[in-house]
């Protein structure tokens, strides 16, 4: 088992129905970071879930989900979590907020692995200051249901309860991650997230992920292969050949098997062609072989018929 491989099937619960008062009441899950709504970014990170439940008012999303809402709406995160949990059946559930711009599928795998190996009721992410982030967590659903049922027996039920009341009732293991735990509560947070994904070390992966989401493509390919192809086509043929060649490689792969192997094979063929093209352009011009003079003309390799052969020894 690796850190990125969830140990068991899991369901995902995404809480996306908050009031976003610090954003002036904006629909925070729909705010775009890196060209994608925050909610879609979170849904991409839990794409491996057997079922994904979003607790919010329905809206268009990049992936199919099950919608539900706490009763009454606006009852707070614990009530929303309980509403989402009622629509899950897996033994493990990942609980996430909808404002995590740097959440990745690998993080979900790490949480589930930590939950499995520790034997705890829940695995929570912690931020740079060591504080718990209960809305980036993996739970054993049996323990979570029991804790929620105990809290529901109080005078107010679950409405308005803070999440710390829930986490205090669980045996927790913690997974530190200062980047992924970053959430967007204010417009300054949104600006910081937008700036960070445009940094050199992040922008290419972010852009590729955004394009795949926009086009509905769920395909992982070796981007270095395509970048090398673009470089060779631009250098060996002409600069506009780079984007056109990579497009044709993708089209050819889609016409065939359509997987990463098909992309790699089509790219290999195109690279070989670009290198042949460059070699041909850079090779010295071949001069035509001089014509052989006709028999009897000066420079002829053959003796003229009217000159006697001197014979041996002459």
C-alpha atoms as a PDB file:
ATOM      1  CA  UNK A   1       0.000   0.000   0.000  1.00  0.00           C
ATOM      2  CA  UNK A   2       1.314   3.484  -0.899  1.00  0.00           C
ATOM      3  CA  UNK A   3       0.431   6.874   0.522  1.00  0.00           C
ATOM      4  CA  UNK A   4      -1.596   7.692  -2.578  1.00  0.00           C
ATOM      5  CA  UNK A   5      -3.647   4.485  -2.687  1.00  0.00           C
ATOM      6  CA  UNK A   6      -6.811   4.543  -0.560  1.00  0.00           C
ATOM      7  CA  UNK A   7      -6.877   1.327   1.488  1.00  0.00           C
ATOM      8  CA  UNK A   8     -10.617   0.805   1.210  1.00  0.00           C
ATOM      9  CA  UNK A   9     -13.603   2.030  -0.811  1.00  0.00           C
ATOM     10  CA  UNK A  10     -14.828   5.341   0.530  1.00  0.00           C
ATOM     11  CA  UNK A  11     -17.607   7.883   0.115  1.00  0.00           C
ATOM     12  CA  UNK A  12     -17.027  11.630   0.095  1.00  0.00           C
ATOM     13  CA  UNK A  13     -19.048  14.339   1.832  1.00  0.00           C
ATOM     14  CA  UNK A  14     -18.422  17.911   0.689  1.00  0.00           C
ATOM     15  CA  UNK A  15     -19.893  20.749   2.744  1.00  0.00           C
ATOM     16  CA  UNK A  16     -20.649  23.626   0.370  1.00  0.00           C
ATOM     17  CA  UNK A  17     -23.612  25.421   1.893  1.00  0.00           C
ATOM     18  CA  UNK A  18     -22.036  28.030   4.182  1.00  0.00           C
ATOM     19  CA  UNK A  19     -23.076  31.671   4.184  1.00  0.00           C
ATOM     20  CA  UNK A  20     -19.568  32.988   3.274  1.00  0.00           C
ATOM     21  CA  UNK A  21     -20.097  36.142   5.331  1.00  0.00           C
ATOM     22  CA  UNK A  22     -16.415  37.123   5.048  1.00  0.00           C
ATOM     23  CA  UNK A  23     -16.822  37.065   1.278  1.00  0.00           C
ATOM     24  CA  UNK A  24     -19.794  39.386   1.450  1.00  0.00           C
ATOM     25  CA  UNK A  25     -22.243  36.539   0.947  1.00  0.00           C
ATOM     26  CA  UNK A  26     -20.732  35.451  -2.380  1.00  0.00           C
ATOM     27  CA  UNK A  27     -21.359  31.907  -3.571  1.00  0.00           C
ATOM     28  CA  UNK A  28     -17.941  30.720  -2.435  1.00  0.00           C
ATOM     29  CA  UNK A  29     -18.024  27.234  -4.021  1.00  0.00           C
ATOM     30  CA  UNK A  30     -18.485  28.893  -7.422  1.00  0.00           C
ATOM     31  CA  UNK A  31     -15.584  31.325  -7.041  1.00  0.00           C
ATOM     32  CA  UNK A  32     -12.912  30.434  -9.582  1.00  0.00           C
ATOM     33  CA  UNK A  33      -9.288  29.766  -8.746  1.00  0.00           C
ATOM     34  CA  UNK A  34      -7.085  28.760 -11.651  1.00  0.00           C
ATOM     35  CA  UNK A  35     -10.062  28.934 -13.984  1.00  0.00           C
ATOM     36  CA  UNK A  36     -12.072  26.356 -12.030  1.00  0.00           C
ATOM     37  CA  UNK A  37     -14.724  26.760  -9.348  1.00  0.00           C
ATOM     38  CA  UNK A  38     -13.471  25.889  -5.881  1.00  0.00           C
ATOM     39  CA  UNK A  39     -16.096  23.149  -5.598  1.00  0.00           C
ATOM     40  CA  UNK A  40     -14.939  21.494  -8.830  1.00  0.00           C
ATOM     41  CA  UNK A  41     -11.354  21.509  -7.575  1.00  0.00           C
ATOM     42  CA  UNK A  42     -12.431  19.626  -4.445  1.00  0.00           C
ATOM     43  CA  UNK A  43     -14.570  17.200  -6.449  1.00  0.00           C
ATOM     44  CA  UNK A  44     -11.558  16.373  -8.633  1.00  0.00           C
ATOM     45  CA  UNK A  45      -9.559  15.488  -5.512  1.00  0.00           C
ATOM     46  CA  UNK A  46     -12.153  12.944  -4.381  1.00  0.00           C
ATOM     47  CA  UNK A  47     -12.791  11.491  -7.829  1.00  0.00           C
ATOM     48  CA  UNK A  48     -12.010   8.034  -6.432  1.00  0.00           C
ATOM     49  CA  UNK A  49     -14.995   8.101  -4.102  1.00  0.00           C
ATOM     50  CA  UNK A  50     -17.621   5.448  -4.599  1.00  0.00           C
ATOM     51  CA  UNK A  51     -20.242   8.142  -4.011  1.00  0.00           C
ATOM     52  CA  UNK A  52     -19.886  11.880  -3.518  1.00  0.00           C
ATOM     53  CA  UNK A  53     -22.505  13.777  -1.525  1.00  0.00           C
ATOM     54  CA  UNK A  54     -22.520  17.569  -1.652  1.00  0.00           C
ATOM     55  CA  UNK A  55     -24.451  19.341   1.093  1.00  0.00           C
ATOM     56  CA  UNK A  56     -25.602  22.541  -0.612  1.00  0.00           C
ATOM     57  CA  UNK A  57     -28.087  23.970  -3.055  1.00  0.00           C
ATOM     58  CA  UNK A  58     -27.597  22.147  -6.386  1.00  0.00           C
ATOM     59  CA  UNK A  59     -25.575  23.849  -9.095  1.00  0.00           C
ATOM     60  CA  UNK A  60     -23.644  22.693 -12.203  1.00  0.00           C
ATOM     61  CA  UNK A  61     -20.520  20.685 -11.376  1.00  0.00           C
ATOM     62  CA  UNK A  62     -17.760  19.005 -13.366  1.00  0.00           C
ATOM     63  CA  UNK A  63     -18.577  15.586 -11.884  1.00  0.00           C
ATOM     64  CA  UNK A  64     -21.870  13.885 -11.025  1.00  0.00           C
ATOM     65  CA  UNK A  65     -22.759  14.135  -7.324  1.00  0.00           C
ATOM     66  CA  UNK A  66     -25.671  13.478  -4.984  1.00  0.00           C
ATOM     67  CA  UNK A  67     -27.182  16.655  -3.514  1.00  0.00           C
ATOM     68  CA  UNK A  68     -28.717  17.045  -0.093  1.00  0.00           C
ATOM     69  CA  UNK A  69     -29.246  19.761   2.515  1.00  0.00           C
ATOM     70  CA  UNK A  70     -29.367  19.953   6.289  1.00  0.00           C
ATOM     71  CA  UNK A  71     -32.757  20.690   7.857  1.00  0.00           C
ATOM     72  CA  UNK A  72     -33.176  23.542   8.420  1.00  0.00           C
ATOM     73  CA  UNK A  73     -30.712  24.987   5.881  1.00  0.00           C
ATOM     74  CA  UNK A  74     -27.963  26.998   7.505  1.00  0.00           C
ATOM     75  CA  UNK A  75     -27.835  24.701  10.536  1.00  0.00           C
ATOM     76  CA  UNK A  76     -24.039  24.701  10.644  1.00  0.00           C
ATOM     77  CA  UNK A  77     -21.293  22.256   9.737  1.00  0.00           C
ATOM     78  CA  UNK A  78     -22.181  19.479  12.183  1.00  0.00           C
ATOM     79  CA  UNK A  79     -25.799  19.375  11.004  1.00  0.00           C
ATOM     80  CA  UNK A  80     -24.614  19.502   7.398  1.00  0.00           C
ATOM     81  CA  UNK A  81     -22.168  16.653   7.992  1.00  0.00           C
ATOM     82  CA  UNK A  82     -24.941  14.558   9.539  1.00  0.00           C
ATOM     83  CA  UNK A  83     -27.180  15.235   6.520  1.00  0.00           C
ATOM     84  CA  UNK A  84     -24.472  14.153   4.126  1.00  0.00           C
ATOM     85  CA  UNK A  85     -23.561  11.065   6.122  1.00  0.00           C
ATOM     86  CA  UNK A  86     -27.137   9.774   5.834  1.00  0.00           C
ATOM     87  CA  UNK A  87     -26.547   9.239   2.097  1.00  0.00           C
ATOM     88  CA  UNK A  88     -23.341   7.223   2.420  1.00  0.00           C
ATOM     89  CA  UNK A  89     -22.883   3.470   2.786  1.00  0.00           C
ATOM     90  CA  UNK A  90     -19.098   2.914   2.723  1.00  0.00           C
ATOM     91  CA  UNK A  91     -17.198   2.045   5.903  1.00  0.00           C
ATOM     92  CA  UNK A  92     -15.005   5.104   5.378  1.00  0.00           C
ATOM     93  CA  UNK A  93     -15.972   8.661   4.530  1.00  0.00           C
ATOM     94  CA  UNK A  94     -13.836  11.626   3.561  1.00  0.00           C
ATOM     95  CA  UNK A  95     -15.253  14.923   4.836  1.00  0.00           C
ATOM     96  CA  UNK A  96     -14.208  18.081   3.007  1.00  0.00           C
ATOM     97  CA  UNK A  97     -15.105  21.725   2.775  1.00  0.00           C
ATOM     98  CA  UNK A  98     -15.621  23.226  -0.687  1.00  0.00           C
ATOM     99  CA  UNK A  99     -12.958  25.951  -0.351  1.00  0.00           C
ATOM    100  CA  UNK A 100      -9.681  24.002  -0.550  1.00  0.00           C
ATOM    101  CA  UNK A 101      -7.832  25.207  -3.662  1.00  0.00           C
ATOM    102  CA  UNK A 102      -4.768  22.983  -3.152  1.00  0.00           C
ATOM    103  CA  UNK A 103      -6.475  19.732  -2.246  1.00  0.00           C
ATOM    104  CA  UNK A 104      -5.276  16.786  -4.339  1.00  0.00           C
ATOM    105  CA  UNK A 105      -6.281  13.171  -4.706  1.00  0.00           C
ATOM    106  CA  UNK A 106      -2.956  12.189  -3.143  1.00  0.00           C
ATOM    107  CA  UNK A 107      -3.962  14.013   0.052  1.00  0.00           C
ATOM    108  CA  UNK A 108      -7.194  12.043   0.240  1.00  0.00           C
ATOM    109  CA  UNK A 109      -5.128   8.873  -0.102  1.00  0.00           C
ATOM    110  CA  UNK A 110      -2.800   9.965   2.697  1.00  0.00           C
ATOM    111  CA  UNK A 111      -5.711  10.602   5.047  1.00  0.00           C
ATOM    112  CA  UNK A 112      -7.290   7.235   4.317  1.00  0.00           C
ATOM    113  CA  UNK A 113      -3.968   5.455   4.733  1.00  0.00           C
ATOM    114  CA  UNK A 114      -3.358   7.210   8.060  1.00  0.00           C
ATOM    115  CA  UNK A 115      -6.839   6.215   9.202  1.00  0.00           C
ATOM    116  CA  UNK A 116      -6.260   2.602   8.216  1.00  0.00           C
ATOM    117  CA  UNK A 117      -2.823   2.202   9.789  1.00  0.00           C
ATOM    118  CA  UNK A 118      -3.530   4.115  13.004  1.00  0.00           C
ATOM    119  CA  UNK A 119      -6.733   2.396  14.026  1.00  0.00           C
ATOM    120  CA  UNK A 120      -8.151   5.825  14.987  1.00  0.00           C
ATOM    121  CA  UNK A 121     -11.730   6.981  14.449  1.00  0.00           C
ATOM    122  CA  UNK A 122     -10.614   9.821  12.189  1.00  0.00           C
ATOM    123  CA  UNK A 123      -7.548  11.286  10.469  1.00  0.00           C
ATOM    124  CA  UNK A 124      -7.454  15.095  10.289  1.00  0.00           C
ATOM    125  CA  UNK A 125      -5.177  17.447   8.430  1.00  0.00           C
ATOM    126  CA  UNK A 126      -3.410  20.100  10.507  1.00  0.00           C
ATOM    127  CA  UNK A 127      -2.277  23.511   9.277  1.00  0.00           C
ATOM    128  CA  UNK A 128       1.076  25.292   9.544  1.00  0.00           C
ATOM    129  CA  UNK A 129       0.332  26.217  13.179  1.00  0.00           C
ATOM    130  CA  UNK A 130      -0.651  22.671  14.130  1.00  0.00           C
ATOM    131  CA  UNK A 131      -4.361  23.450  14.326  1.00  0.00           C
ATOM    132  CA  UNK A 132      -6.887  20.767  13.409  1.00  0.00           C
ATOM    133  CA  UNK A 133      -8.738  21.137  10.115  1.00  0.00           C
ATOM    134  CA  UNK A 134     -11.835  18.975  10.728  1.00  0.00           C
ATOM    135  CA  UNK A 135     -13.153  19.622   7.216  1.00  0.00           C
ATOM    136  CA  UNK A 136     -10.167  17.902   5.644  1.00  0.00           C
ATOM    137  CA  UNK A 137     -10.563  14.503   7.239  1.00  0.00           C
ATOM    138  CA  UNK A 138     -11.185  10.801   6.769  1.00  0.00           C
ATOM    139  CA  UNK A 139     -13.556   8.968   9.158  1.00  0.00           C
ATOM    140  CA  UNK A 140     -14.695   5.515  10.066  1.00  0.00           C
ATOM    141  CA  UNK A 141     -18.375   5.993   9.409  1.00  0.00           C
ATOM    142  CA  UNK A 142     -19.521   3.781  12.290  1.00  0.00           C
ATOM    143  CA  UNK A 143     -17.630   5.905  14.825  1.00  0.00           C
ATOM    144  CA  UNK A 144     -18.792   9.119  13.155  1.00  0.00           C
ATOM    145  CA  UNK A 145     -22.439   8.062  13.212  1.00  0.00           C
ATOM    146  CA  UNK A 146     -22.183   7.120  16.878  1.00  0.00           C
ATOM    147  CA  UNK A 147     -20.611  10.456  17.841  1.00  0.00           C
ATOM    148  CA  UNK A 148     -23.255  12.395  15.909  1.00  0.00           C
ATOM    149  CA  UNK A 149     -26.100  10.427  17.511  1.00  0.00           C
ATOM    150  CA  UNK A 150     -24.764  11.213  20.991  1.00  0.00           C
ATOM    151  CA  UNK A 151     -24.497  14.923  20.162  1.00  0.00           C
ATOM    152  CA  UNK A 152     -28.009  14.923  18.686  1.00  0.00           C
ATOM    153  CA  UNK A 153     -29.435  13.952  22.057  1.00  0.00           C
ATOM    154  CA  UNK A 154     -28.670  17.430  23.405  1.00  0.00           C
ATOM    155  CA  UNK A 155     -31.292  20.121  23.850  1.00  0.00           C
ATOM    156  CA  UNK A 156     -30.538  21.876  20.550  1.00  0.00           C
ATOM    157  CA  UNK A 157     -29.760  18.781  18.548  1.00  0.00           C
ATOM    158  CA  UNK A 158     -27.012  19.316  15.993  1.00  0.00           C
ATOM    159  CA  UNK A 159     -28.033  22.774  14.793  1.00  0.00           C
ATOM    160  CA  UNK A 160     -25.390  25.388  15.463  1.00  0.00           C
ATOM    161  CA  UNK A 161     -22.907  23.019  17.122  1.00  0.00           C
ATOM    162  CA  UNK A 162     -19.220  23.768  16.475  1.00  0.00           C
ATOM    163  CA  UNK A 163     -17.101  21.073  14.887  1.00  0.00           C
ATOM    164  CA  UNK A 164     -14.818  20.915  17.921  1.00  0.00           C
ATOM    165  CA  UNK A 165     -17.666  19.294  19.840  1.00  0.00           C
ATOM    166  CA  UNK A 166     -17.626  16.480  17.304  1.00  0.00           C
ATOM    167  CA  UNK A 167     -13.863  16.034  17.086  1.00  0.00           C
ATOM    168  CA  UNK A 168     -13.604  15.991  20.900  1.00  0.00           C
ATOM    169  CA  UNK A 169     -15.709  12.830  20.886  1.00  0.00           C
ATOM    170  CA  UNK A 170     -13.433  10.983  18.437  1.00  0.00           C
ATOM    171  CA  UNK A 171     -10.082   9.247  18.671  1.00  0.00           C
ATOM    172  CA  UNK A 172      -8.052  11.236  16.145  1.00  0.00           C
ATOM    173  CA  UNK A 173      -4.762  10.852  14.307  1.00  0.00           C
ATOM    174  CA  UNK A 174      -3.272  13.948  12.676  1.00  0.00           C
ATOM    175  CA  UNK A 175      -1.602  14.481   9.302  1.00  0.00           C
ATOM    176  CA  UNK A 176       0.292  17.780   8.955  1.00  0.00           C
ATOM    177  CA  UNK A 177       0.056  19.623   5.623  1.00  0.00           C
ATOM    178  CA  UNK A 178       0.346  23.424   5.695  1.00  0.00           C
ATOM    179  CA  UNK A 179      -0.388  23.860   1.971  1.00  0.00           C
ATOM    180  CA  UNK A 180      -3.413  21.646   1.448  1.00  0.00           C
ATOM    181  CA  UNK A 181      -5.009  22.828   4.693  1.00  0.00           C
ATOM    182  CA  UNK A 182      -5.140  26.373   3.257  1.00  0.00           C
ATOM    183  CA  UNK A 183      -8.783  27.373   2.810  1.00  0.00           C
ATOM    184  CA  UNK A 184     -10.376  30.468   1.296  1.00  0.00           C
ATOM    185  CA  UNK A 185     -12.361  32.471   3.835  1.00  0.00           C
ATOM    186  CA  UNK A 186     -11.669  35.986   2.523  1.00  0.00           C
ATOM    187  CA  UNK A 187     -11.007  37.704  -0.796  1.00  0.00           C
ATOM    188  CA  UNK A 188      -7.388  38.065   0.284  1.00  0.00           C
ATOM    189  CA  UNK A 189      -7.255  34.265   0.605  1.00  0.00           C
ATOM    190  CA  UNK A 190      -8.705  33.960  -2.896  1.00  0.00           C
ATOM    191  CA  UNK A 191      -6.084  36.377  -4.245  1.00  0.00           C
ATOM    192  CA  UNK A 192      -3.286  34.454  -2.508  1.00  0.00           C
ATOM    193  CA  UNK A 193      -4.494  31.150  -3.950  1.00  0.00           C
ATOM    194  CA  UNK A 194      -4.772  32.591  -7.458  1.00  0.00           C
ATOM    195  CA  UNK A 195      -1.256  34.005  -7.234  1.00  0.00           C
ATOM    196  CA  UNK A 196       0.245  30.797  -5.869  1.00  0.00           C
ATOM    197  CA  UNK A 197      -1.018  28.526  -8.626  1.00  0.00           C
ATOM    198  CA  UNK A 198       0.598  30.836 -11.178  1.00  0.00           C
ATOM    199  CA  UNK A 199       4.022  30.339  -9.640  1.00  0.00           C
ATOM    200  CA  UNK A 200       6.502  28.543 -11.847  1.00  0.00           C
ATOM    201  CA  UNK A 201       6.399  25.289  -9.920  1.00  0.00           C
ATOM    202  CA  UNK A 202       2.612  24.982 -10.067  1.00  0.00           C
ATOM    203  CA  UNK A 203       1.277  26.692 -13.162  1.00  0.00           C
ATOM    204  CA  UNK A 204       1.751  23.893 -15.703  1.00  0.00           C
ATOM    205  CA  UNK A 205       0.087  21.197 -13.600  1.00  0.00           C
ATOM    206  CA  UNK A 206      -2.709  23.606 -12.704  1.00  0.00           C
ATOM    207  CA  UNK A 207      -3.287  24.520 -16.338  1.00  0.00           C
ATOM    208  CA  UNK A 208      -3.331  20.895 -17.533  1.00  0.00           C
ATOM    209  CA  UNK A 209      -5.794  19.979 -14.774  1.00  0.00           C
ATOM    210  CA  UNK A 210      -8.020  22.917 -15.683  1.00  0.00           C
ATOM    211  CA  UNK A 211      -8.002  22.011 -19.384  1.00  0.00           C
ATOM    212  CA  UNK A 212      -8.840  18.361 -18.676  1.00  0.00           C
ATOM    213  CA  UNK A 213     -11.726  19.405 -16.443  1.00  0.00           C
ATOM    214  CA  UNK A 214     -13.002  21.888 -19.018  1.00  0.00           C
ATOM    215  CA  UNK A 215     -12.889  19.295 -21.810  1.00  0.00           C
ATOM    216  CA  UNK A 216     -14.160  16.418 -19.708  1.00  0.00           C
ATOM    217  CA  UNK A 217     -10.948  14.419 -20.194  1.00  0.00           C
ATOM    218  CA  UNK A 218      -9.846  11.992 -17.496  1.00  0.00           C
ATOM    219  CA  UNK A 219      -6.491  10.955 -18.915  1.00  0.00           C
ATOM    220  CA  UNK A 220      -3.050  11.042 -17.314  1.00  0.00           C
ATOM    221  CA  UNK A 221      -0.199  11.266 -19.807  1.00  0.00           C
ATOM    222  CA  UNK A 222       3.495  12.009 -19.479  1.00  0.00           C
ATOM    223  CA  UNK A 223       3.586  15.747 -20.177  1.00  0.00           C
ATOM    224  CA  UNK A 224       7.339  15.576 -20.730  1.00  0.00           C
ATOM    225  CA  UNK A 225       6.735  13.442 -23.814  1.00  0.00           C
ATOM    226  CA  UNK A 226       4.427  16.076 -25.295  1.00  0.00           C
ATOM    227  CA  UNK A 227       6.749  18.941 -24.355  1.00  0.00           C
ATOM    228  CA  UNK A 228       9.679  17.169 -25.976  1.00  0.00           C
ATOM    229  CA  UNK A 229       7.564  16.602 -29.065  1.00  0.00           C
ATOM    230  CA  UNK A 230       6.595  20.287 -29.216  1.00  0.00           C
ATOM    231  CA  UNK A 231      10.238  21.302 -28.835  1.00  0.00           C
ATOM    232  CA  UNK A 232      11.417  18.996 -31.596  1.00  0.00           C
ATOM    233  CA  UNK A 233       8.638  20.056 -33.960  1.00  0.00           C
ATOM    234  CA  UNK A 234       9.315  23.750 -33.329  1.00  0.00           C
ATOM    235  CA  UNK A 235      13.060  23.372 -33.748  1.00  0.00           C
ATOM    236  CA  UNK A 236      13.175  20.926 -36.615  1.00  0.00           C
ATOM    237  CA  UNK A 237      10.232  22.170 -38.694  1.00  0.00           C
ATOM    238  CA  UNK A 238       8.813  25.577 -37.727  1.00  0.00           C
ATOM    239  CA  UNK A 239       7.518  27.189 -34.539  1.00  0.00           C
ATOM    240  CA  UNK A 240       3.808  26.843 -35.457  1.00  0.00           C
ATOM    241  CA  UNK A 241       4.407  23.109 -35.957  1.00  0.00           C
ATOM    242  CA  UNK A 242       4.608  22.606 -32.178  1.00  0.00           C
ATOM    243  CA  UNK A 243       0.928  23.176 -31.219  1.00  0.00           C
ATOM    244  CA  UNK A 244      -0.385  21.709 -34.466  1.00  0.00           C
ATOM    245  CA  UNK A 245       1.669  18.524 -34.095  1.00  0.00           C
ATOM    246  CA  UNK A 246       0.648  17.961 -30.490  1.00  0.00           C
ATOM    247  CA  UNK A 247      -2.991  18.439 -31.511  1.00  0.00           C
ATOM    248  CA  UNK A 248      -2.630  15.853 -34.273  1.00  0.00           C
ATOM    249  CA  UNK A 249      -0.955  13.423 -31.862  1.00  0.00           C
ATOM    250  CA  UNK A 250      -3.888  13.746 -29.480  1.00  0.00           C
ATOM    251  CA  UNK A 251      -6.359  13.291 -32.302  1.00  0.00           C
ATOM    252  CA  UNK A 252      -4.533  10.210 -33.579  1.00  0.00           C
ATOM    253  CA  UNK A 253      -4.441   8.717 -30.074  1.00  0.00           C
ATOM    254  CA  UNK A 254      -8.162   9.301 -29.671  1.00  0.00           C
ATOM    255  CA  UNK A 255      -8.825   7.521 -32.966  1.00  0.00           C
ATOM    256  CA  UNK A 256      -6.921   4.506 -31.660  1.00  0.00           C
ATOM    257  CA  UNK A 257      -6.915   3.095 -28.162  1.00  0.00           C
ATOM    258  CA  UNK A 258      -7.133   6.547 -26.627  1.00  0.00           C
ATOM    259  CA  UNK A 259      -5.074   5.828 -23.502  1.00  0.00           C
ATOM    260  CA  UNK A 260      -1.688   7.108 -22.298  1.00  0.00           C
ATOM    261  CA  UNK A 261       0.070   4.366 -24.265  1.00  0.00           C
ATOM    262  CA  UNK A 262      -1.580   5.516 -27.484  1.00  0.00           C
ATOM    263  CA  UNK A 263      -0.492   9.097 -26.839  1.00  0.00           C
ATOM    264  CA  UNK A 264       3.075   7.989 -26.143  1.00  0.00           C
ATOM    265  CA  UNK A 265       3.229   5.876 -29.310  1.00  0.00           C
ATOM    266  CA  UNK A 266       1.819   8.649 -31.500  1.00  0.00           C
ATOM    267  CA  UNK A 267       4.245  11.125 -29.934  1.00  0.00           C
ATOM    268  CA  UNK A 268       7.166   8.758 -30.583  1.00  0.00           C
ATOM    269  CA  UNK A 269       6.286   8.541 -34.266  1.00  0.00           C
ATOM    270  CA  UNK A 270       5.881  12.310 -34.568  1.00  0.00           C
ATOM    271  CA  UNK A 271       9.212  12.958 -32.829  1.00  0.00           C
ATOM    272  CA  UNK A 272      10.963  10.556 -35.214  1.00  0.00           C
ATOM    273  CA  UNK A 273       9.405  12.387 -38.154  1.00  0.00           C
ATOM    274  CA  UNK A 274      10.477  15.786 -36.810  1.00  0.00           C
ATOM    275  CA  UNK A 275      14.032  14.542 -36.342  1.00  0.00           C
ATOM    276  CA  UNK A 276      14.121  13.155 -39.883  1.00  0.00           C
ATOM    277  CA  UNK A 277      12.776  16.461 -41.156  1.00  0.00           C
ATOM    278  CA  UNK A 278      15.501  18.364 -39.308  1.00  0.00           C
ATOM    279  CA  UNK A 279      18.222  15.988 -40.468  1.00  0.00           C
ATOM    280  CA  UNK A 280      17.152  16.399 -44.058  1.00  0.00           C
ATOM    281  CA  UNK A 281      17.111  20.189 -43.774  1.00  0.00           C
ATOM    282  CA  UNK A 282      20.567  20.332 -42.184  1.00  0.00           C
ATOM    283  CA  UNK A 283      22.380  17.749 -44.327  1.00  0.00           C
ATOM    284  CA  UNK A 284      24.834  19.045 -47.004  1.00  0.00           C
ATOM    285  CA  UNK A 285      23.315  19.454 -50.408  1.00  0.00           C
ATOM    286  CA  UNK A 286      24.021  16.366 -52.450  1.00  0.00           C
ATOM    287  CA  UNK A 287      25.847  17.246 -55.687  1.00  0.00           C
ATOM    288  CA  UNK A 288      24.807  15.172 -58.688  1.00  0.00           C
ATOM    289  CA  UNK A 289      27.472  12.677 -59.811  1.00  0.00           C
ATOM    290  CA  UNK A 290      29.429  13.987 -62.791  1.00  0.00           C
ATOM    291  CA  UNK A 291      28.451  12.457 -66.062  1.00  0.00           C
ATOM    292  CA  UNK A 292      30.918   9.910 -67.418  1.00  0.00           C
ATOM    293  CA  UNK A 293      32.462  11.132 -70.694  1.00  0.00           C
ATOM    294  CA  UNK A 294      31.574   9.139 -73.731  1.00  0.00           C
ATOM    295  CA  UNK A 295      34.045   6.577 -75.035  1.00  0.00           C
ATOM    296  CA  UNK A 296      36.963   8.267 -76.816  1.00  0.00           C
ATOM    297  CA  UNK A 297      36.430  11.681 -75.187  1.00  0.00           C
ATOM    298  CA  UNK A 298      39.098  13.254 -72.983  1.00  0.00           C
ATOM    299  CA  UNK A 299      38.848  11.991 -69.460  1.00  0.00           C
ATOM    300  CA  UNK A 300      37.246   8.743 -70.442  1.00  0.00           C
ATOM    301  CA  UNK A 301      38.075   5.876 -68.165  1.00  0.00           C
ATOM    302  CA  UNK A 302      38.088   3.503 -71.068  1.00  0.00           C
ATOM    303  CA  UNK A 303      40.791   3.602 -73.785  1.00  0.00           C
ATOM    304  CA  UNK A 304      39.642   4.817 -77.167  1.00  0.00           C
ATOM    305  CA  UNK A 305      39.136   2.111 -79.711  1.00  0.00           C
ATOM    306  CA  UNK A 306      41.686   3.606 -82.172  1.00  0.00           C
ATOM    307  CA  UNK A 307      44.581   3.582 -79.698  1.00  0.00           C
ATOM    308  CA  UNK A 308      46.333   0.242 -79.605  1.00  0.00           C
ATOM    309  CA  UNK A 309      46.708  -1.484 -76.299  1.00  0.00           C
ATOM    310  CA  UNK A 310      50.373  -1.365 -75.429  1.00  0.00           C
ATOM    311  CA  UNK A 311      50.114  -4.751 -73.849  1.00  0.00           C
ATOM    312  CA  UNK A 312      52.096  -6.091 -70.919  1.00  0.00           C
ATOM    313  CA  UNK A 313      55.554  -4.768 -70.311  1.00  0.00           C
ATOM    314  CA  UNK A 314      55.259  -1.730 -72.594  1.00  0.00           C
END
